[in-house]
Amino acid sequence: MARYWLVVFPLVRAELHGWERVASAIPDPELRAQALATLHGERLSAAGAALFAATMPKSPAPELVRALVAYQVICDYLDTLAEQPSTDPIANGAQLHRALVDAVADGPRADHYRLHRAQADGGYLASLVDACRRTSETLPAFAQVRTTAAREAARNVVQGMNHAPAGVREAALHDWAETCTDPAAGDAAWFELAAAGSSSLAVLALLAAAADPTTTADDAEHVRRAYFPWIEALSTLLDSVADREHDLRTGELSFVEQYPSQEEAIARLRDITTRAVAGARGLPDGERHAVLVVGMIAMHVSEAGAWLPESAPLTRAVLRASDTAIMPPLLLLLRAWRHVRTQRARCRRRRTPSAAEPSPA
């Protein structure tokens, strides 16, 4: 935590401020508003991605922080774009999310906006993709993880399906899950696989592995198998737990609501948490990965929505299954941070009532 707050977090802030400046110059007003709103609203997501740098055995390389932040900003921005109306939301989402593959692969970039209604972003998305690719390539073992990272990034096409209309999205996700023949998938249900495919954690873990010059292609595959599906599924399912009331109210897809009953959801989340933590600890330098999993859990359960009456039993089950002494101080820290951010946003709104953007963290 000391390394994170003293070394990594200042780099994260600088990166996010830099991307805000780029986003502010987007010509299309709709895309500009969406990019800025995502940067402000998803700051904690980018900050969480940078935790992978904070747990490195040596002082984290600035290039790793830049790559992690850029990749997560792309993820969050594409998620926002995929929420917008489209004549073919599945195809549009898939085309947009090719940017994630381009961010870690080589070769020419795709035309990411080809099916999107707004396209004049002034090179914002391309700049993010190029920044992630450029900084990733400076990491000493990136050549050993690149193929695996690109394959995992390709799974994120699922994220673009999540915002299709009800009925369409479930069928598309079910069909996608049936094509997943990965042996690591085990007994995962279709929506648990879709939840895992919607997460960026495996790619972030692979970028962090690339910062270690001793990492081999076999090491990269071991990391991938630890994160997909259980660690990634847990991340998305916990996000669904925290957003449960909102998703039910707005008609958004709720992964946790796919369980037949609350009792089965509790039992399954407990089991997935146990598998996620065990998978992390089973890796070389496993305690570092376990800290990352616990940090991810803490970020999600520190949200107020995770403690609403319908969600609280699920949250408590996950906390019991995580079984770690560092959870209470992490929760206190993250709740305090969320409180400070909320207070700053309120102060800004009082000072400038017409402002639509929340205050940066």
Protein backbone atom coordinates (compact mmCIF):
# COMPACT_ATOMS: atom_id res chain seq x y z
CA MET A 1 0.00 0.00 0.00
CA ALA A 2 2.87 2.37 0.77
CA ARG A 3 4.40 1.65 -2.64
CA TYR A 4 1.04 2.11 -4.30
CA TRP A 5 0.16 5.47 -2.73
CA LEU A 6 3.66 6.94 -2.82
CA VAL A 7 4.91 5.69 -6.19
CA VAL A 8 2.16 4.22 -8.37
CA PHE A 9 -0.84 6.42 -7.66
CA PRO A 10 0.91 9.70 -8.61
CA LEU A 11 1.74 8.08 -11.97
CA VAL A 12 -1.89 7.00 -12.38
CA ARG A 13 -3.10 10.54 -11.67
CA ALA A 14 -0.67 11.97 -14.21
CA GLU A 15 -1.74 9.46 -16.86
CA LEU A 16 -5.44 10.13 -16.30
CA HIS A 17 -4.94 13.89 -16.41
CA GLY A 18 -3.07 13.46 -19.68
CA TRP A 19 -5.89 11.42 -21.20
CA GLU A 20 -8.39 14.02 -20.00
CA ARG A 21 -6.54 16.64 -22.01
CA VAL A 22 -6.68 14.43 -25.10
CA ALA A 23 -10.36 13.66 -24.54
CA SER A 24 -11.17 17.35 -24.12
CA ALA A 25 -10.05 17.90 -27.72
CA ILE A 26 -12.39 15.27 -29.25
CA PRO A 27 -14.31 17.07 -32.05
CA ASP A 28 -17.60 15.18 -31.73
CA PRO A 29 -19.46 16.56 -28.70
CA GLU A 30 -21.18 13.25 -27.94
CA LEU A 31 -17.93 11.24 -27.98
CA ARG A 32 -16.15 13.98 -26.03
CA ALA A 33 -18.80 13.91 -23.30
CA GLN A 34 -18.70 10.10 -23.15
CA ALA A 35 -14.91 9.97 -22.98
CA LEU A 36 -14.70 12.58 -20.21
CA ALA A 37 -17.56 11.06 -18.24
CA THR A 38 -15.88 7.66 -18.41
CA LEU A 39 -12.51 9.04 -17.29
CA HIS A 40 -14.14 10.77 -14.32
CA GLY A 41 -16.57 8.04 -13.39
CA GLU A 42 -14.18 5.10 -13.77
CA ARG A 43 -11.11 6.55 -12.05
CA LEU A 44 -11.19 3.81 -9.45
CA SER A 45 -11.11 1.21 -12.23
CA ALA A 46 -7.87 2.59 -13.68
CA ALA A 47 -6.44 2.99 -10.20
CA GLY A 48 -7.27 -0.65 -9.52
CA ALA A 49 -5.54 -1.76 -12.72
CA ALA A 50 -2.36 -0.10 -11.48
CA LEU A 51 -2.34 -2.33 -8.40
CA PHE A 52 -0.68 -4.90 -10.65
CA ALA A 53 2.35 -2.59 -10.80
CA ALA A 54 2.39 -1.93 -7.06
CA THR A 55 2.82 -5.62 -6.19
CA MET A 56 5.87 -6.17 -8.41
CA PRO A 57 8.90 -7.39 -6.45
CA LYS A 58 10.93 -4.37 -7.55
CA SER A 59 10.00 -0.72 -7.90
CA PRO A 60 7.31 -0.54 -10.62
CA ALA A 61 8.38 0.67 -14.04
CA PRO A 62 6.50 3.78 -15.23
CA GLU A 63 6.01 2.03 -18.58
CA LEU A 64 4.04 -0.74 -16.88
CA VAL A 65 1.79 1.77 -15.14
CA ARG A 66 1.18 3.58 -18.43
CA ALA A 67 0.30 0.33 -20.21
CA LEU A 68 -2.04 -0.82 -17.43
CA VAL A 69 -3.85 2.52 -17.24
CA ALA A 70 -4.17 2.84 -21.02
CA TYR A 71 -5.60 -0.67 -21.37
CA GLN A 72 -8.14 -0.13 -18.61
CA VAL A 73 -9.16 3.28 -19.96
CA ILE A 74 -9.78 1.64 -23.34
CA CYS A 75 -11.90 -1.05 -21.66
CA ASP A 76 -14.03 1.46 -19.79
CA TYR A 77 -14.44 3.77 -22.79
CA LEU A 78 -15.52 0.90 -25.06
CA ASP A 79 -18.02 -0.21 -22.44
CA THR A 80 -19.53 3.29 -22.52
CA LEU A 81 -19.62 3.32 -26.32
CA ALA A 82 -21.29 -0.10 -26.45
CA GLU A 83 -24.10 1.21 -24.23
CA GLN A 84 -25.17 3.67 -26.94
CA PRO A 85 -28.02 2.77 -29.32
CA SER A 86 -27.00 0.94 -32.50
CA THR A 87 -28.79 -0.71 -35.40
CA ASP A 88 -26.67 -3.83 -34.80
CA PRO A 89 -25.39 -3.69 -31.22
CA ILE A 90 -23.68 -7.11 -31.36
CA ALA A 91 -21.66 -6.34 -34.48
CA ASN A 92 -20.95 -2.78 -33.36
CA GLY A 93 -19.75 -3.97 -29.96
CA ALA A 94 -17.49 -6.56 -31.54
CA GLN A 95 -15.98 -4.01 -33.91
CA LEU A 96 -15.34 -1.52 -31.13
CA HIS A 97 -13.77 -4.11 -28.88
CA ARG A 98 -11.21 -5.08 -31.50
CA ALA A 99 -9.35 -2.08 -30.06
CA LEU A 100 -8.43 -4.22 -27.04
CA VAL A 101 -6.72 -6.79 -29.23
CA ASP A 102 -4.98 -4.05 -31.19
CA ALA A 103 -3.68 -2.59 -27.92
CA VAL A 104 -1.55 -5.68 -27.25
CA ALA A 105 -1.12 -7.25 -30.72
CA ASP A 106 1.04 -6.21 -33.64
CA GLY A 107 -0.04 -5.31 -37.15
CA PRO A 108 -2.42 -2.61 -38.44
CA ARG A 109 -5.31 -1.31 -36.33
CA ALA A 110 -8.90 -2.09 -37.25
CA ASP A 111 -11.45 0.62 -38.06
CA HIS A 112 -12.98 0.48 -34.59
CA TYR A 113 -15.77 3.00 -35.22
CA ARG A 114 -16.82 1.49 -38.57
CA LEU A 115 -20.31 0.51 -37.30
CA HIS A 116 -20.69 3.20 -34.65
CA ARG A 117 -22.98 6.19 -35.18
CA ALA A 118 -20.37 8.75 -34.01
CA GLN A 119 -16.80 8.48 -35.27
CA ALA A 120 -15.00 11.85 -35.05
CA ASP A 121 -12.97 11.29 -31.90
CA GLY A 122 -9.89 13.17 -33.14
CA GLY A 123 -7.74 10.07 -32.77
CA TYR A 124 -8.51 9.57 -29.07
CA LEU A 125 -9.10 5.80 -29.20
CA ALA A 126 -6.23 5.27 -31.63
CA SER A 127 -3.93 7.22 -29.29
CA LEU A 128 -4.93 5.00 -26.37
CA VAL A 129 -4.33 1.86 -28.44
CA ASP A 130 -0.95 3.09 -29.66
CA ALA A 131 0.11 4.16 -26.17
CA CYS A 132 -0.74 0.77 -24.70
CA ARG A 133 1.00 -1.07 -27.54
CA ARG A 134 4.07 1.17 -27.47
CA THR A 135 4.61 1.00 -23.72
CA SER A 136 3.84 -2.74 -23.57
CA GLU A 137 6.54 -3.41 -26.16
CA THR A 138 9.14 -1.84 -23.85
CA LEU A 139 8.45 -4.43 -21.14
CA PRO A 140 11.29 -7.00 -21.12
CA ALA A 141 9.18 -10.18 -21.49
CA PHE A 142 6.32 -8.80 -23.58
CA ALA A 143 7.31 -10.96 -26.56
CA GLN A 144 6.70 -14.03 -24.36
CA VAL A 145 3.20 -12.95 -23.27
CA ARG A 146 1.93 -11.13 -26.36
CA THR A 147 0.15 -14.06 -28.03
CA THR A 148 -1.59 -15.08 -24.82
CA ALA A 149 -2.55 -11.48 -24.02
CA ALA A 150 -4.03 -10.96 -27.48
CA ARG A 151 -6.07 -14.16 -27.16
CA GLU A 152 -7.44 -13.06 -23.80
CA ALA A 153 -8.19 -9.56 -25.12
CA ALA A 154 -10.19 -11.15 -27.93
CA ARG A 155 -12.55 -12.63 -25.33
CA ASN A 156 -13.62 -9.11 -24.41
CA VAL A 157 -15.88 -9.04 -27.46
CA VAL A 158 -18.33 -10.35 -24.86
CA GLN A 159 -18.34 -6.94 -23.19
CA GLY A 160 -19.90 -5.50 -26.31
CA MET A 161 -22.75 -8.03 -26.15
CA ASN A 162 -23.72 -7.14 -22.59
CA HIS A 163 -25.52 -3.94 -23.64
CA ALA A 164 -27.61 -5.40 -26.46
CA PRO A 165 -31.40 -5.42 -25.90
CA ALA A 166 -32.82 -7.97 -23.47
CA GLY A 167 -33.41 -11.28 -25.18
CA VAL A 168 -30.79 -10.60 -27.83
CA ARG A 169 -27.88 -10.28 -25.40
CA GLU A 170 -28.66 -13.44 -23.41
CA ALA A 171 -28.89 -15.55 -26.57
CA ALA A 172 -25.67 -14.05 -27.95
CA LEU A 173 -23.79 -14.63 -24.68
CA HIS A 174 -25.10 -18.19 -24.44
CA ASP A 175 -23.95 -18.92 -27.99
CA TRP A 176 -20.54 -17.39 -27.28
CA ALA A 177 -20.11 -19.48 -24.13
CA GLU A 178 -20.88 -22.66 -26.08
CA THR A 179 -17.92 -21.91 -28.38
CA CYS A 180 -15.57 -21.66 -25.39
CA THR A 181 -13.75 -24.99 -25.32
CA ASP A 182 -11.02 -23.82 -22.94
CA PRO A 183 -10.21 -26.68 -20.51
CA ALA A 184 -9.89 -24.12 -17.72
CA ALA A 185 -13.62 -23.35 -18.04
CA GLY A 186 -14.51 -26.48 -16.07
CA ASP A 187 -18.07 -26.44 -14.76
CA ALA A 188 -18.67 -22.72 -15.35
CA ALA A 189 -22.20 -21.81 -16.40
CA TRP A 190 -22.68 -19.84 -19.60
CA PHE A 191 -23.18 -16.56 -17.75
CA GLU A 192 -20.14 -17.20 -15.53
CA LEU A 193 -18.02 -17.66 -18.66
CA ALA A 194 -19.53 -14.50 -20.13
CA ALA A 195 -18.74 -12.67 -16.88
CA ALA A 196 -15.13 -13.87 -17.10
CA GLY A 197 -14.88 -12.81 -20.73
CA SER A 198 -16.08 -9.33 -19.77
CA SER A 199 -13.14 -8.77 -17.41
CA SER A 200 -9.77 -7.20 -18.22
CA LEU A 201 -7.90 -8.81 -15.32
CA ALA A 202 -6.12 -11.57 -17.27
CA VAL A 203 -4.62 -9.10 -19.73
CA LEU A 204 -3.58 -6.79 -16.88
CA ALA A 205 -1.92 -9.72 -15.10
CA LEU A 206 -0.10 -10.67 -18.30
CA LEU A 207 1.16 -7.12 -18.77
CA ALA A 208 2.51 -7.21 -15.23
CA ALA A 209 4.15 -10.58 -15.96
CA ALA A 210 5.80 -9.01 -19.01
CA ALA A 211 7.59 -6.58 -16.70
CA ASP A 212 9.52 -9.52 -15.22
CA PRO A 213 12.39 -10.42 -17.58
CA THR A 214 12.34 -14.07 -16.42
CA THR A 215 8.74 -14.66 -17.57
CA THR A 216 8.38 -17.38 -20.22
CA ALA A 217 5.51 -18.29 -22.56
CA ASP A 218 4.67 -21.20 -20.22
CA ASP A 219 4.52 -18.76 -17.30
CA ALA A 220 2.11 -16.61 -19.28
CA GLU A 221 -0.15 -19.60 -19.86
CA HIS A 222 -0.13 -20.44 -16.15
CA VAL A 223 -1.17 -16.87 -15.33
CA ARG A 224 -3.93 -17.02 -17.92
CA ARG A 225 -5.34 -20.25 -16.51
CA ALA A 226 -5.35 -18.83 -13.00
CA TYR A 227 -7.27 -15.71 -14.03
CA PHE A 228 -9.65 -17.26 -16.56
CA PRO A 229 -12.31 -18.05 -15.65
CA TRP A 230 -12.55 -17.86 -11.87
CA ILE A 231 -10.73 -14.66 -10.90
CA GLU A 232 -12.22 -12.78 -13.84
CA ALA A 233 -15.69 -14.23 -13.27
CA LEU A 234 -15.57 -13.20 -9.62
CA SER A 235 -14.65 -9.63 -10.57
CA THR A 236 -17.60 -9.21 -12.93
CA LEU A 237 -20.03 -11.04 -10.65
CA LEU A 238 -19.08 -8.76 -7.74
CA ASP A 239 -19.63 -5.75 -9.97
CA SER A 240 -23.05 -7.20 -10.72
CA VAL A 241 -23.72 -7.65 -6.99
CA ALA A 242 -22.88 -3.98 -6.31
CA ASP A 243 -25.02 -2.84 -9.27
CA ARG A 244 -27.86 -5.27 -8.64
CA GLU A 245 -30.53 -2.72 -7.75
CA HIS A 246 -29.49 -0.36 -10.57
CA ASP A 247 -29.50 -3.15 -13.16
CA LEU A 248 -32.94 -4.35 -12.13
CA ARG A 249 -34.28 -0.81 -12.26
CA THR A 250 -32.81 0.03 -15.68
CA GLY A 251 -33.10 -3.34 -17.39
CA GLU A 252 -29.34 -3.76 -17.74
CA LEU A 253 -27.95 -7.29 -17.79
CA SER A 254 -27.40 -8.61 -14.26
CA PHE A 255 -25.11 -11.62 -14.19
CA VAL A 256 -25.91 -12.44 -10.59
CA GLU A 257 -29.64 -12.57 -11.37
CA GLN A 258 -29.00 -15.52 -13.71
CA TYR A 259 -28.70 -17.86 -10.72
CA PRO A 260 -31.95 -19.75 -10.09
CA SER A 261 -32.15 -18.61 -6.47
CA GLN A 262 -30.46 -16.40 -3.89
CA GLU A 263 -29.28 -19.51 -2.04
CA GLU A 264 -27.60 -20.91 -5.15
CA ALA A 265 -26.03 -17.53 -5.89
CA ILE A 266 -24.57 -17.41 -2.38
CA ALA A 267 -23.20 -20.96 -2.61
CA ARG A 268 -21.76 -20.41 -6.07
CA LEU A 269 -20.11 -17.09 -5.25
CA ARG A 270 -18.56 -18.68 -2.16
CA ASP A 271 -17.20 -21.50 -4.34
CA ILE A 272 -15.91 -19.17 -7.05
CA THR A 273 -14.17 -17.00 -4.46
CA THR A 274 -12.43 -20.05 -3.00
CA ARG A 275 -11.30 -21.15 -6.48
CA ALA A 276 -10.13 -17.63 -7.37
CA VAL A 277 -7.99 -17.24 -4.26
CA ALA A 278 -6.62 -20.77 -4.58
CA GLY A 279 -5.75 -20.18 -8.24
CA ALA A 280 -3.91 -16.99 -7.35
CA ARG A 281 -1.96 -18.64 -4.54
CA GLY A 282 -1.06 -21.55 -6.81
CA LEU A 283 0.98 -19.32 -9.11
CA PRO A 284 4.69 -18.70 -8.59
CA ASP A 285 4.89 -15.68 -6.28
CA GLY A 286 1.29 -16.56 -5.48
CA GLU A 287 0.89 -14.32 -2.46
CA ARG A 288 1.35 -11.32 -4.76
CA HIS A 289 -1.53 -12.51 -6.92
CA ALA A 290 -3.61 -13.30 -3.84
CA VAL A 291 -3.16 -9.70 -2.68
CA LEU A 292 -4.41 -8.53 -6.09
CA VAL A 293 -7.49 -10.75 -5.87
CA VAL A 294 -8.24 -9.53 -2.35
CA GLY A 295 -7.76 -5.93 -3.50
CA MET A 296 -10.19 -6.53 -6.36
CA ILE A 297 -12.74 -7.98 -3.94
CA ALA A 298 -12.28 -5.03 -1.58
CA MET A 299 -12.83 -2.51 -4.39
CA HIS A 300 -16.15 -4.06 -5.29
CA VAL A 301 -17.50 -4.69 -1.80
CA SER A 302 -16.54 -1.18 -0.66
CA GLU A 303 -19.34 0.13 -2.90
CA ALA A 304 -22.54 1.07 -1.10
CA GLY A 305 -24.62 -1.06 -3.48
CA ALA A 306 -22.87 -4.21 -2.27
CA TRP A 307 -24.53 -3.76 1.14
CA LEU A 308 -28.12 -3.18 0.10
CA PRO A 309 -30.50 -5.78 1.60
CA GLU A 310 -30.66 -8.06 -1.46
CA SER A 311 -26.91 -7.94 -2.09
CA ALA A 312 -25.48 -8.02 1.43
CA PRO A 313 -25.79 -11.83 1.90
CA LEU A 314 -23.78 -12.37 -1.29
CA THR A 315 -21.17 -9.85 -0.18
CA ARG A 316 -20.79 -11.47 3.22
CA ALA A 317 -20.39 -14.91 1.62
CA VAL A 318 -17.56 -13.65 -0.57
CA LEU A 319 -15.81 -11.98 2.36
CA ARG A 320 -15.99 -15.15 4.44
CA ALA A 321 -14.61 -17.23 1.55
CA SER A 322 -11.74 -14.80 0.90
CA ASP A 323 -10.53 -15.47 4.47
CA THR A 324 -7.76 -12.89 4.79
CA ALA A 325 -6.66 -10.55 7.56
CA ILE A 326 -5.90 -7.66 5.19
CA MET A 327 -9.51 -7.23 4.12
CA PRO A 328 -10.72 -5.03 7.03
CA PRO A 329 -8.01 -2.34 6.62
CA LEU A 330 -8.44 -2.42 2.83
CA LEU A 331 -12.18 -1.86 3.18
CA LEU A 332 -11.65 1.03 5.59
CA LEU A 333 -9.18 2.65 3.21
CA LEU A 334 -11.38 2.26 0.13
CA ARG A 335 -14.53 3.43 1.89
CA ALA A 336 -12.68 6.51 3.10
CA TRP A 337 -11.45 7.18 -0.43
CA ARG A 338 -14.93 6.81 -1.89
CA HIS A 339 -16.30 9.16 0.79
CA VAL A 340 -13.68 11.82 0.00
CA ARG A 341 -14.40 11.57 -3.73
CA THR A 342 -18.15 11.90 -3.10
CA GLN A 343 -17.65 14.96 -0.91
CA ARG A 344 -15.39 16.62 -3.49
CA ALA A 345 -17.95 15.99 -6.23
CA ARG A 346 -20.69 17.54 -4.08
CA CYS A 347 -18.55 20.59 -3.32
CA ARG A 348 -17.85 21.07 -7.00
CA ARG A 349 -21.55 20.85 -7.87
CA ARG A 350 -22.37 23.45 -5.22
CA ARG A 351 -19.72 25.81 -6.57
CA THR A 352 -20.72 25.30 -10.22
CA PRO A 353 -24.35 24.11 -10.34
CA SER A 354 -24.31 23.80 -14.12
CA ALA A 355 -21.27 21.55 -14.26
CA ALA A 356 -22.04 18.03 -15.38
CA GLU A 357 -18.63 16.55 -14.69
CA PRO A 358 -17.61 15.27 -11.24
CA SER A 359 -14.41 16.43 -9.64
CA PRO A 360 -11.29 14.40 -10.42
CA ALA A 361 -10.02 12.26 -7.56
